Amino acid sequence: MTKIVVIGTGYVGLPAAIMLARSGYTVVGVDIDKKIVEAINNGVLHIDEKELQELLNLQEVRKNLIGMATPSQADVFMVAVPTPLDDRKKICDLSHVISAVESFLPYLEKGNLVIIESTIPPLTCREIIIPLLEKSGLEVGTDILLCHCPERILPGNVFEEIVHNDRLIGGINRKSSLAAREIYSSFVQGDLYLTDDVTAALCKLMENTYRDVNIALANEFALVAEGLGVDIKEAIFLANKHPRVNILNPGIGVGGHCIPIDPWFIKEVDPKHTNLIMTARRINDEMPEKIASQIRKKVRDLVKPQIVALGAAYKPDTYDIRESPAIKIVNLLREDGYQVELYDPLVKEYAYDSLLDVVEGKDCLVVLVEHKKIVEELESNLELIKSRMRNPLIVRFYL
């Protein structure tokens, strides 16, 4: 039976490990966090994904999946560790990927397949991963195989996306691609497209950069409309009546681990040809300050206003707070001396029992993230909510 070691069991690695275990592979989920290893072995999912927890409860999955703190011998090694942005240099921090590869070098054997799922800049496999792997004395492409298969999942909907999304299989040669395709075909129902490692890396970055640029365009339109006194929602609605126009809705900024990060990885490999991409990044990065400024204007006539901010996640209907513009806005206001309480019904550390209790005696309720749960509560209890506030000021954006 094929044995697969998955290095990194977070948002990407653990779902993959569970799906592979369900498909009948012997899977070892490796993580440096001992609590995560213990949770895996106890059948407890440390990310909030109902369908995956149900799979983890299955006897065959529990039988095939174990958690460990270090790698072991295997047929396949899959790397699914974070690749954060170095805030100072604005380049990809590959230290986790390098450490992951180095951790299983002693266990590499002829015939092994190495899969990199982590998001990486183009040429990373060729310039960094291959030299690392060949320290083992094995030649990549002949003795061992290498493939970059970038993840395509969305926190909060991981099971649906990991199964049904199309995937890119970017091998350093065709033999590598075919070997990786066999692994992914065991659980992916979407199409599997074979390409090379550089193309796969660039495609992943293009996907998120495309979204970043289009969001920036909508946000800039919103700023222009504000200066003109135009309702941006109406303007977008009317502009989108053109058969070849589809403008997105503006927002408070861009968050998550992909969209605000991946464009920088393209700039890293080709700074000369990324002017538009970097302009879009700057526009979206400035949005939290623009929104904070709007909030300041709303409360400028109030003496020491007490503000409640609703929504800490990076977008509606998710629990993920990574790179959240909402949190950035709250921090900007607090730095200016405003008293701001932050709540989110979907994020454990910001949860609340009753919105009515939260707004008691407050001066301003700012809705930063329009979770369905928040919208429903506002629609059903709006007048009662206002009656509980000292000043019934409710601020929402781009509705």
Protein backbone atom coordinates (compact mmCIF):
# COMPACT_ATOMS: atom_id res chain seq x y z
CA MET A 1 0.00 0.00 0.00
CA THR A 2 1.29 3.48 -0.94
CA LYS A 3 2.40 5.57 2.03
CA ILE A 4 2.14 9.36 1.89
CA VAL A 5 3.75 11.79 4.32
CA VAL A 6 2.09 15.22 4.41
CA ILE A 7 4.34 17.92 5.89
CA GLY A 8 2.14 20.65 7.40
CA THR A 9 -1.37 19.91 8.60
CA GLY A 10 -3.07 23.29 8.53
CA TYR A 11 -5.75 24.70 6.22
CA VAL A 12 -4.22 22.92 3.20
CA GLY A 13 -2.32 19.89 4.42
CA LEU A 14 -4.84 18.40 6.82
CA PRO A 15 -7.76 18.33 4.35
CA ALA A 16 -5.46 16.69 1.80
CA ALA A 17 -4.30 14.14 4.38
CA ILE A 18 -7.89 13.28 5.29
CA MET A 19 -8.96 12.87 1.65
CA LEU A 20 -5.95 10.67 0.90
CA ALA A 21 -6.62 8.53 3.97
CA ARG A 22 -10.23 8.15 2.89
CA SER A 23 -8.98 7.00 -0.53
CA GLY A 24 -7.11 4.14 1.11
CA TYR A 25 -3.58 5.49 1.35
CA THR A 26 -1.54 5.14 4.50
CA VAL A 27 -1.03 8.76 5.52
CA VAL A 28 1.24 10.41 8.07
CA GLY A 29 0.38 14.01 8.89
CA VAL A 30 3.51 15.78 10.15
CA ASP A 31 3.41 19.01 12.10
CA ILE A 32 5.79 20.84 14.41
CA ASP A 33 2.83 21.77 16.64
CA LYS A 34 2.45 18.91 19.10
CA LYS A 35 -1.12 19.93 19.90
CA ILE A 36 -2.11 19.51 16.26
CA VAL A 37 -0.44 16.09 16.13
CA GLU A 38 -2.31 15.07 19.26
CA ALA A 39 -5.60 16.37 17.83
CA ILE A 40 -5.16 14.33 14.65
CA ASN A 41 -4.51 11.17 16.64
CA ASN A 42 -7.56 11.88 18.80
CA GLY A 43 -9.74 12.42 15.75
CA VAL A 44 -10.27 16.11 16.48
CA LEU A 45 -10.20 18.63 13.63
CA HIS A 46 -8.46 21.87 14.61
CA ILE A 47 -10.07 23.83 11.75
CA ASP A 48 -13.78 24.57 11.58
CA GLU A 49 -14.92 22.37 8.68
CA LYS A 50 -17.98 20.20 9.42
CA GLU A 51 -17.69 17.84 6.45
CA LEU A 52 -14.02 17.17 7.12
CA GLN A 53 -14.73 16.41 10.77
CA GLU A 54 -17.33 13.87 9.64
CA LEU A 55 -14.72 12.25 7.40
CA LEU A 56 -12.17 12.24 10.20
CA ASN A 57 -14.71 10.36 12.32
CA LEU A 58 -14.84 7.51 9.80
CA GLN A 59 -13.17 4.29 10.94
CA GLU A 60 -11.20 3.82 7.71
CA VAL A 61 -9.83 7.36 7.90
CA ARG A 62 -8.79 6.98 11.54
CA LYS A 63 -7.14 3.69 10.61
CA ASN A 64 -5.17 5.15 7.70
CA LEU A 65 -4.19 8.53 9.19
CA ILE A 66 -1.78 9.18 12.02
CA GLY A 67 -0.13 12.36 13.24
CA MET A 68 3.58 12.61 13.93
CA ALA A 69 6.05 15.33 14.83
CA THR A 70 8.70 14.10 12.37
CA PRO A 71 8.63 12.47 8.92
CA SER A 72 9.31 8.82 8.16
CA GLN A 73 10.00 6.70 5.11
CA ALA A 74 7.29 6.95 2.48
CA ASP A 75 6.48 6.65 -1.21
CA VAL A 76 5.18 10.20 -1.54
CA PHE A 77 6.13 13.37 0.34
CA MET A 78 3.67 16.26 0.12
CA VAL A 79 4.67 19.74 1.34
CA ALA A 80 1.78 21.95 2.48
CA VAL A 81 3.35 24.55 4.75
CA PRO A 82 2.78 28.33 4.82
CA THR A 83 4.68 30.67 2.51
CA PRO A 84 4.12 34.08 4.12
CA LEU A 85 5.22 37.40 2.71
CA ASP A 86 8.35 38.93 4.20
CA ASP A 87 6.89 42.27 5.29
CA ARG A 88 10.15 44.18 4.93
CA LYS A 89 11.52 42.71 1.71
CA LYS A 90 8.10 42.01 0.14
CA ILE A 91 9.26 38.61 -1.12
CA CYS A 92 8.12 35.08 -0.43
CA ASP A 93 9.41 33.60 2.81
CA LEU A 94 10.35 30.06 1.77
CA SER A 95 11.88 29.12 5.12
CA HIS A 96 9.01 26.77 6.03
CA VAL A 97 9.19 25.01 2.66
CA ILE A 98 12.96 24.63 2.91
CA SER A 99 12.68 23.27 6.46
CA ALA A 100 9.97 20.84 5.37
CA VAL A 101 12.07 19.47 2.51
CA GLU A 102 15.15 19.22 4.69
CA SER A 103 13.14 17.29 7.29
CA PHE A 104 12.45 14.36 4.95
CA LEU A 105 15.76 14.32 3.05
CA PRO A 106 17.11 11.48 5.24
CA TYR A 107 14.12 9.35 4.25
CA LEU A 108 14.19 9.92 0.49
CA GLU A 109 14.54 6.80 -1.62
CA LYS A 110 14.74 6.05 -5.30
CA GLY A 111 11.26 6.06 -6.83
CA ASN A 112 9.80 8.62 -4.40
CA LEU A 113 7.45 11.38 -5.54
CA VAL A 114 7.67 14.85 -3.97
CA ILE A 115 4.66 17.17 -4.30
CA ILE A 116 4.78 20.86 -3.38
CA GLU A 117 1.28 22.18 -2.62
CA SER A 118 2.46 25.38 -0.95
CA THR A 119 2.08 28.55 -3.01
CA ILE A 120 5.52 29.48 -4.35
CA PRO A 121 7.05 31.92 -6.84
CA PRO A 122 7.73 30.55 -10.34
CA LEU A 123 11.12 28.81 -10.69
CA THR A 124 11.17 27.85 -6.99
CA CYS A 125 11.12 24.14 -7.82
CA ARG A 126 13.99 24.47 -10.26
CA GLU A 127 16.18 26.93 -8.39
CA ILE A 128 15.59 25.90 -4.76
CA ILE A 129 13.71 22.60 -4.37
CA ILE A 130 15.68 20.53 -6.87
CA PRO A 131 19.12 21.48 -5.44
CA LEU A 132 17.82 20.69 -1.96
CA LEU A 133 16.46 17.29 -2.98
CA GLU A 134 19.63 16.35 -4.81
CA LYS A 135 21.63 16.75 -1.60
CA SER A 136 20.25 13.27 -0.95
CA GLY A 137 22.44 11.95 -3.76
CA LEU A 138 19.39 11.19 -5.88
CA GLU A 139 18.73 12.84 -9.22
CA VAL A 140 15.41 14.66 -9.59
CA GLY A 141 13.50 13.59 -12.68
CA THR A 142 15.04 10.15 -12.85
CA ASP A 143 15.65 8.78 -9.35
CA ILE A 144 12.91 10.82 -7.72
CA LEU A 145 9.97 12.74 -9.16
CA LEU A 146 8.88 16.30 -8.39
CA CYS A 147 5.59 18.09 -9.00
CA HIS A 148 4.07 21.43 -8.03
CA CYS A 149 0.32 21.10 -7.48
CA PRO A 150 -0.89 24.42 -6.01
CA GLU A 151 -3.87 24.21 -3.69
CA ARG A 152 -7.22 25.68 -4.65
CA ILE A 153 -9.38 25.74 -1.54
CA LEU A 154 -11.45 28.26 0.40
CA PRO A 155 -11.66 28.14 4.22
CA GLY A 156 -15.25 27.44 5.23
CA ASN A 157 -15.91 25.41 2.08
CA VAL A 158 -12.84 23.19 1.98
CA PHE A 159 -14.52 19.82 1.36
CA GLU A 160 -16.50 21.04 -1.63
CA GLU A 161 -13.49 22.76 -3.18
CA ILE A 162 -10.84 20.12 -2.57
CA VAL A 163 -13.07 17.52 -4.24
CA HIS A 164 -14.72 19.45 -7.07
CA ASN A 165 -12.22 22.13 -8.10
CA ASP A 166 -10.04 21.54 -11.15
CA ARG A 167 -6.37 21.08 -10.29
CA LEU A 168 -3.07 21.87 -11.98
CA ILE A 169 -0.45 19.11 -12.02
CA GLY A 170 2.90 20.78 -12.70
CA GLY A 171 5.58 18.16 -13.02
CA ILE A 172 9.23 18.84 -13.78
CA ASN A 173 8.77 16.14 -16.43
CA ARG A 174 5.85 14.10 -17.75
CA LYS A 175 6.66 11.12 -15.56
CA SER A 176 6.33 13.32 -12.49
CA SER A 177 3.00 14.74 -13.69
CA LEU A 178 1.57 11.29 -14.37
CA ALA A 179 2.61 10.03 -10.94
CA ALA A 180 1.03 13.02 -9.19
CA ARG A 181 -2.12 12.75 -11.29
CA GLU A 182 -2.60 9.20 -10.04
CA ILE A 183 -2.52 10.45 -6.44
CA TYR A 184 -4.97 13.32 -6.95
CA SER A 185 -7.38 11.30 -9.10
CA SER A 186 -8.13 9.22 -6.01
CA PHE A 187 -10.28 12.02 -4.57
CA VAL A 188 -10.49 14.97 -6.99
CA GLN A 189 -13.62 14.93 -9.14
CA GLY A 190 -12.68 18.09 -11.03
CA ASP A 191 -10.46 17.99 -14.10
CA LEU A 192 -6.73 17.45 -13.66
CA TYR A 193 -4.62 19.52 -16.07
CA LEU A 194 -1.05 18.43 -16.68
CA THR A 195 1.52 21.19 -17.20
CA ASP A 196 5.03 22.06 -16.01
CA ASP A 197 6.05 23.36 -12.60
CA VAL A 198 6.74 26.96 -13.66
CA THR A 199 3.41 27.31 -15.47
CA ALA A 200 1.53 25.81 -12.51
CA ALA A 201 3.16 28.28 -10.11
CA LEU A 202 2.45 31.27 -12.33
CA CYS A 203 -1.16 30.20 -12.91
CA LYS A 204 -1.86 30.04 -9.18
CA LEU A 205 -0.46 33.54 -8.71
CA MET A 206 -2.33 34.85 -11.77
CA GLU A 207 -5.65 33.60 -10.39
CA ASN A 208 -5.39 35.61 -7.19
CA THR A 209 -3.73 38.61 -8.84
CA TYR A 210 -6.60 38.81 -11.34
CA ARG A 211 -9.02 39.07 -8.44
CA ASP A 212 -6.85 41.61 -6.62
CA VAL A 213 -6.66 43.89 -9.66
CA ASN A 214 -10.42 43.75 -10.29
CA ILE A 215 -11.20 44.45 -6.63
CA ALA A 216 -8.83 47.42 -6.75
CA LEU A 217 -10.67 48.78 -9.79
CA ALA A 218 -13.99 48.57 -7.96
CA ASN A 219 -12.48 50.21 -4.87
CA GLU A 220 -11.03 53.05 -6.91
CA PHE A 221 -14.37 53.59 -8.65
CA ALA A 222 -15.93 53.80 -5.18
CA LEU A 223 -13.48 56.49 -4.08
CA VAL A 224 -14.15 58.51 -7.24
CA ALA A 225 -17.91 58.15 -6.76
CA GLU A 226 -17.62 59.32 -3.15
CA GLY A 227 -15.92 62.52 -4.30
CA LEU A 228 -18.64 63.10 -6.88
CA GLY A 229 -21.51 62.36 -4.51
CA VAL A 230 -22.55 59.37 -6.63
CA ASP A 231 -24.08 56.17 -5.23
CA ILE A 232 -21.42 53.65 -6.28
CA LYS A 233 -23.77 50.67 -6.01
CA GLU A 234 -26.19 52.25 -8.43
CA ALA A 235 -23.36 53.26 -10.76
CA ILE A 236 -21.95 49.73 -10.83
CA PHE A 237 -25.42 48.26 -11.37
CA LEU A 238 -25.99 50.50 -14.36
CA ALA A 239 -22.47 50.07 -15.78
CA ASN A 240 -22.85 46.31 -15.58
CA LYS A 241 -25.85 46.55 -17.91
CA HIS A 242 -23.25 46.76 -20.67
CA PRO A 243 -22.99 43.23 -22.10
CA ARG A 244 -19.20 43.08 -21.76
CA VAL A 245 -18.79 44.76 -18.35
CA ASN A 246 -18.80 43.00 -14.99
CA ILE A 247 -17.50 45.34 -12.28
CA LEU A 248 -17.14 43.79 -8.83
CA ASN A 249 -18.53 45.31 -5.65
CA PRO A 250 -16.12 47.52 -3.68
CA GLY A 251 -15.13 46.65 -0.13
CA ILE A 252 -13.14 47.65 2.93
CA GLY A 253 -9.93 46.06 1.67
CA VAL A 254 -8.55 42.67 0.71
CA GLY A 255 -7.65 39.90 3.14
CA GLY A 256 -7.00 36.19 3.43
CA HIS A 257 -3.74 34.38 2.87
CA CYS A 258 -3.82 34.46 -0.95
CA ILE A 259 -5.09 37.60 -2.66
CA PRO A 260 -3.02 40.22 -0.76
CA ILE A 261 0.08 37.99 -0.82
CA ASP A 262 0.35 36.26 -4.19
CA PRO A 263 0.77 39.39 -6.40
CA TRP A 264 4.06 40.11 -4.61
CA PHE A 265 5.40 36.71 -5.69
CA ILE A 266 4.92 37.72 -9.33
CA LYS A 267 6.72 41.02 -8.73
CA GLU A 268 9.53 39.07 -7.08
CA VAL A 269 10.35 37.24 -10.32
CA ASP A 270 9.66 40.14 -12.71
CA PRO A 271 9.52 43.61 -11.10
CA LYS A 272 9.82 45.32 -14.50
CA HIS A 273 6.45 44.12 -15.81
CA THR A 274 4.23 44.36 -12.71
CA ASN A 275 3.31 48.06 -12.61
CA LEU A 276 -0.45 47.50 -12.83
CA ILE A 277 -0.28 44.67 -10.31
CA MET A 278 1.58 46.79 -7.77
CA THR A 279 -0.76 49.76 -8.27
CA ALA A 280 -3.70 47.48 -7.48
CA ARG A 281 -1.90 46.23 -4.38
CA ARG A 282 -1.35 49.78 -3.17
CA ILE A 283 -5.01 50.71 -3.74
CA ASN A 284 -6.30 47.72 -1.80
CA ASP A 285 -3.74 48.12 0.98
CA GLU A 286 -4.87 51.73 1.47
CA MET A 287 -8.56 50.87 1.79
CA PRO A 288 -8.53 50.19 5.57
CA GLU A 289 -7.20 53.73 6.14
CA LYS A 290 -9.86 55.14 3.80
CA ILE A 291 -12.59 53.29 5.69
CA ALA A 292 -11.17 54.31 9.08
CA SER A 293 -11.26 57.93 7.86
CA GLN A 294 -14.94 57.58 6.93
CA ILE A 295 -15.70 56.24 10.40
CA ARG A 296 -13.86 59.14 12.03
CA LYS A 297 -16.01 61.58 10.06
CA LYS A 298 -19.19 59.81 11.18
CA VAL A 299 -18.34 60.16 14.88
CA ARG A 300 -16.53 63.51 14.87
CA ASP A 301 -19.41 65.33 16.58
CA LEU A 302 -19.58 62.79 19.43
CA VAL A 303 -17.60 63.23 22.66
CA LYS A 304 -15.43 60.17 23.36
CA PRO A 305 -17.59 57.90 21.21
CA GLN A 306 -17.83 54.26 22.17
CA ILE A 307 -17.74 52.21 19.00
CA VAL A 308 -18.73 48.60 18.34
CA ALA A 309 -17.27 47.02 15.20
CA LEU A 310 -18.95 43.92 13.80
CA GLY A 311 -16.91 41.50 11.73
CA ALA A 312 -13.30 40.37 12.21
CA ALA A 313 -13.01 37.85 9.37
CA TYR A 314 -11.38 38.86 6.12
CA LYS A 315 -14.66 38.46 4.20
CA PRO A 316 -18.32 37.54 4.80
CA ASP A 317 -19.35 34.09 6.03
CA THR A 318 -15.92 32.76 6.93
CA TYR A 319 -14.10 32.35 10.23
CA ASP A 320 -10.69 33.10 8.72
CA ILE A 321 -9.09 36.31 10.06
CA ARG A 322 -5.75 36.11 8.21
CA GLU A 323 -4.77 39.52 6.77
CA SER A 324 -8.23 40.82 7.74
CA PRO A 325 -8.80 44.45 6.69
CA ALA A 326 -11.49 44.70 9.39
CA ILE A 327 -8.92 44.09 12.12
CA LYS A 328 -6.60 46.64 10.50
CA ILE A 329 -9.38 49.24 10.55
CA VAL A 330 -10.08 48.61 14.23
CA ASN A 331 -6.39 48.87 15.07
CA LEU A 332 -6.10 52.17 13.17
CA LEU A 333 -9.00 53.62 15.16
CA ARG A 334 -7.60 52.39 18.45
CA GLU A 335 -4.22 53.92 17.63
CA ASP A 336 -6.04 57.25 17.28
CA GLY A 337 -7.48 56.85 20.77
CA TYR A 338 -10.99 55.67 19.88
CA GLN A 339 -12.65 53.11 22.13
CA VAL A 340 -13.54 50.25 19.81
CA GLU A 341 -14.89 46.83 20.73
CA LEU A 342 -14.61 44.16 18.02
CA TYR A 343 -17.04 41.24 17.69
CA ASP A 344 -17.67 38.50 15.15
CA PRO A 345 -20.23 35.69 15.51
CA LEU A 346 -18.15 33.31 13.37
CA VAL A 347 -14.76 33.86 15.02
CA LYS A 348 -14.36 32.25 18.45
CA GLU A 349 -12.09 34.90 19.96
CA TYR A 350 -14.52 37.66 18.98
CA ALA A 351 -17.82 35.86 19.59
CA TYR A 352 -20.76 37.39 21.47
CA ASP A 353 -23.98 36.08 23.01
CA SER A 354 -26.35 38.88 22.06
CA LEU A 355 -25.94 41.86 19.74
CA LEU A 356 -28.42 43.72 21.92
CA ASP A 357 -26.09 43.35 24.89
CA VAL A 358 -23.04 44.32 22.84
CA VAL A 359 -24.52 47.65 21.69
CA GLU A 360 -25.95 48.62 25.09
CA GLY A 361 -25.02 52.25 25.75
CA LYS A 362 -22.74 52.52 22.71
CA ASP A 363 -22.59 55.45 20.31
CA CYS A 364 -21.79 53.84 16.99
CA LEU A 365 -22.23 50.38 15.46
CA VAL A 366 -19.91 49.83 12.48
CA VAL A 367 -20.59 46.80 10.31
CA LEU A 368 -17.27 45.91 8.71
CA VAL A 369 -18.11 42.38 7.53
CA GLU A 370 -21.60 41.61 6.32
CA HIS A 371 -21.91 38.02 7.56
CA LYS A 372 -25.32 36.53 6.78
CA LYS A 373 -25.87 36.08 10.52
CA ILE A 374 -25.13 39.76 11.18
CA VAL A 375 -27.38 40.94 8.34
CA GLU A 376 -30.27 38.79 9.54
CA GLU A 377 -29.95 40.07 13.11
CA LEU A 378 -29.84 43.67 11.95
CA GLU A 379 -32.87 43.24 9.71
CA SER A 380 -34.96 41.54 12.38
CA ASN A 381 -33.97 43.72 15.36
CA LEU A 382 -32.87 47.05 13.88
CA GLU A 383 -35.17 49.33 15.87
CA LEU A 384 -34.55 47.43 19.10
CA ILE A 385 -30.81 47.62 18.52
CA LYS A 386 -31.02 51.37 18.00
CA SER A 387 -33.07 51.75 21.18
CA ARG A 388 -30.31 50.11 23.21
CA MET A 389 -27.65 52.51 21.93
CA ARG A 390 -26.82 55.86 23.50
CA ASN A 391 -26.55 57.31 19.98
CA PRO A 392 -28.29 55.17 17.33
CA LEU A 393 -25.59 55.58 14.71
CA ILE A 394 -25.13 52.54 12.46
CA VAL A 395 -22.47 52.67 9.75
CA ARG A 396 -22.35 50.24 6.83
CA PHE A 397 -20.39 50.32 3.59
CA TYR A 398 -21.30 49.96 -0.08
CA LEU A 399 -24.77 48.44 0.41
